[in-house]
Amino acid sequence: MILDLTAEQYARDWALAQFYFHLMPAYSILRREKVELGKADYVAHMLPYIRPETIPKG
């Protein structure tokens, strides 16, 4: 089977689905093994954009 896709179609319709398909079982396995994961583990690349005055204290 051959698919004729543009790069955008490939990324959006194939690669992204494959990524999430494999991410979810990995996440489940890590959680089952008591690895603490949260939102911050997925968005660490956004930390440089945080306004310092908005960081929660505590």
N, C-alpha and C. Protein backbone atom coordinates (compact mmCIF):
# COMPACT_ATOMS: atom_id res chain seq x y z
N MET A 1 0.85 -1.16 0.00
CA MET A 1 0.00 0.00 0.00
C MET A 1 0.90 1.23 0.00
N ILE A 2 0.63 2.16 -0.89
CA ILE A 2 1.40 3.40 -1.00
C ILE A 2 0.47 4.57 -0.75
N LEU A 3 0.92 5.48 0.10
CA LEU A 3 0.15 6.68 0.39
C LEU A 3 0.84 7.88 -0.25
N ASP A 4 0.10 8.67 -0.93
CA ASP A 4 0.62 9.92 -1.50
C ASP A 4 0.20 11.06 -0.59
N LEU A 5 1.16 11.54 0.20
CA LEU A 5 0.88 12.59 1.18
C LEU A 5 1.88 13.72 1.04
N THR A 6 1.43 14.91 1.33
CA THR A 6 2.37 16.02 1.46
C THR A 6 3.05 15.87 2.82
N ALA A 7 4.09 16.65 3.05
CA ALA A 7 4.76 16.62 4.36
C ALA A 7 3.79 16.99 5.47
N GLU A 8 2.96 17.99 5.21
CA GLU A 8 1.98 18.41 6.22
C GLU A 8 0.97 17.30 6.51
N GLN A 9 0.47 16.65 5.48
CA GLN A 9 -0.48 15.55 5.67
C GLN A 9 0.17 14.40 6.43
N TYR A 10 1.41 14.09 6.07
CA TYR A 10 2.12 13.01 6.76
C TYR A 10 2.26 13.31 8.24
N ALA A 11 2.72 14.52 8.56
CA ALA A 11 2.91 14.89 9.97
C ALA A 11 1.59 14.90 10.72
N ARG A 12 0.57 15.51 10.14
CA ARG A 12 -0.72 15.68 10.81
C ARG A 12 -1.50 14.37 10.89
N ASP A 13 -1.57 13.64 9.80
CA ASP A 13 -2.48 12.50 9.72
C ASP A 13 -1.84 11.15 10.03
N TRP A 14 -0.52 11.05 9.96
CA TRP A 14 0.13 9.76 10.21
C TRP A 14 1.09 9.82 11.39
N ALA A 15 2.09 10.67 11.31
CA ALA A 15 3.14 10.68 12.33
C ALA A 15 2.61 11.05 13.70
N LEU A 16 1.75 12.05 13.77
CA LEU A 16 1.22 12.47 15.06
C LEU A 16 0.40 11.36 15.71
N ALA A 17 -0.40 10.69 14.93
CA ALA A 17 -1.20 9.57 15.46
C ALA A 17 -0.29 8.45 15.96
N GLN A 18 0.76 8.14 15.23
CA GLN A 18 1.69 7.10 15.64
C GLN A 18 2.40 7.49 16.93
N PHE A 19 2.79 8.74 17.03
CA PHE A 19 3.45 9.23 18.24
C PHE A 19 2.56 9.03 19.46
N TYR A 20 1.32 9.49 19.39
CA TYR A 20 0.42 9.37 20.53
C TYR A 20 0.04 7.92 20.81
N PHE A 21 -0.06 7.11 19.77
CA PHE A 21 -0.35 5.69 19.95
C PHE A 21 0.72 5.04 20.82
N HIS A 22 1.98 5.40 20.62
CA HIS A 22 3.07 4.82 21.40
C HIS A 22 3.30 5.55 22.72
N LEU A 23 2.97 6.82 22.78
CA LEU A 23 3.15 7.58 24.01
C LEU A 23 2.23 7.08 25.13
N MET A 24 1.00 6.82 24.81
CA MET A 24 0.03 6.45 25.85
C MET A 24 0.39 5.14 26.55
N PRO A 25 0.78 4.07 25.84
CA PRO A 25 1.20 2.87 26.59
C PRO A 25 2.45 3.12 27.43
N ALA A 26 3.39 3.93 26.90
CA ALA A 26 4.59 4.24 27.68
C ALA A 26 4.22 4.98 28.96
N TYR A 27 3.32 5.95 28.85
CA TYR A 27 2.85 6.69 30.02
C TYR A 27 2.19 5.74 31.02
N SER A 28 1.36 4.84 30.53
CA SER A 28 0.67 3.88 31.41
C SER A 28 1.66 2.98 32.13
N ILE A 29 2.66 2.53 31.43
CA ILE A 29 3.67 1.65 32.05
C ILE A 29 4.43 2.42 33.13
N LEU A 30 4.84 3.64 32.83
CA LEU A 30 5.56 4.44 33.82
C LEU A 30 4.70 4.71 35.05
N ARG A 31 3.44 5.03 34.85
CA ARG A 31 2.54 5.28 35.99
C ARG A 31 2.33 3.99 36.79
N ARG A 32 2.22 2.87 36.14
CA ARG A 32 2.05 1.60 36.84
C ARG A 32 3.26 1.30 37.71
N GLU A 33 4.43 1.74 37.25
CA GLU A 33 5.67 1.54 38.01
C GLU A 33 5.90 2.65 39.03
N LYS A 34 4.87 3.47 39.27
CA LYS A 34 4.89 4.52 40.29
C LYS A 34 5.82 5.68 39.97
N VAL A 35 6.11 5.90 38.70
CA VAL A 35 6.88 7.07 38.29
C VAL A 35 5.93 8.27 38.32
N GLU A 36 6.32 9.30 39.05
CA GLU A 36 5.45 10.47 39.15
C GLU A 36 5.63 11.35 37.92
N LEU A 37 4.58 11.47 37.15
CA LEU A 37 4.58 12.30 35.95
C LEU A 37 3.44 13.29 36.04
N GLY A 38 3.68 14.46 35.55
CA GLY A 38 2.63 15.47 35.55
C GLY A 38 2.74 16.34 34.32
N LYS A 39 1.89 17.36 34.27
CA LYS A 39 1.86 18.25 33.11
C LYS A 39 3.23 18.89 32.87
N ALA A 40 3.92 19.26 33.94
CA ALA A 40 5.22 19.92 33.79
C ALA A 40 6.23 19.05 33.04
N ASP A 41 6.09 17.74 33.13
CA ASP A 41 6.99 16.84 32.42
C ASP A 41 6.78 16.90 30.91
N TYR A 42 5.63 17.35 30.48
CA TYR A 42 5.32 17.42 29.06
C TYR A 42 5.54 18.80 28.47
N VAL A 43 5.63 19.81 29.29
CA VAL A 43 5.75 21.18 28.78
C VAL A 43 6.99 21.90 29.33
N ALA A 44 8.01 21.16 29.69
CA ALA A 44 9.22 21.77 30.25
C ALA A 44 9.84 22.77 29.28
N HIS A 45 9.63 22.57 27.99
CA HIS A 45 10.19 23.49 26.99
C HIS A 45 9.56 24.88 27.08
N MET A 46 8.45 25.02 27.81
CA MET A 46 7.78 26.31 27.95
C MET A 46 8.28 27.12 29.14
N LEU A 47 9.08 26.52 30.01
CA LEU A 47 9.54 27.21 31.22
C LEU A 47 10.25 28.54 30.95
N PRO A 48 11.04 28.66 29.90
CA PRO A 48 11.70 29.95 29.66
C PRO A 48 10.72 31.10 29.37
N TYR A 49 9.49 30.78 29.05
CA TYR A 49 8.51 31.81 28.69
C TYR A 49 7.66 32.29 29.87
N ILE A 50 7.85 31.69 31.04
CA ILE A 50 7.05 32.07 32.20
C ILE A 50 7.45 33.46 32.68
N ARG A 51 6.45 34.29 32.95
CA ARG A 51 6.71 35.59 33.55
C ARG A 51 7.05 35.36 35.02
N PRO A 52 8.20 35.79 35.45
CA PRO A 52 8.65 35.52 36.84
C PRO A 52 7.63 35.91 37.90
N GLU A 53 6.93 37.02 37.72
CA GLU A 53 5.98 37.47 38.74
C GLU A 53 4.73 36.59 38.83
N THR A 54 4.56 35.67 37.90
CA THR A 54 3.38 34.81 37.92
C THR A 54 3.66 33.42 38.48
N ILE A 55 4.89 33.15 38.88
CA ILE A 55 5.24 31.84 39.42
C ILE A 55 4.64 31.69 40.81
N PRO A 56 3.87 30.61 41.03
CA PRO A 56 3.27 30.40 42.36
C PRO A 56 4.33 30.25 43.44
N LYS A 57 4.06 30.78 44.59
CA LYS A 57 4.99 30.67 45.71
C LYS A 57 4.61 29.44 46.54
N GLY A 58 5.62 28.70 46.96
CA GLY A 58 5.35 27.55 47.81
C GLY A 58 5.75 26.30 47.27
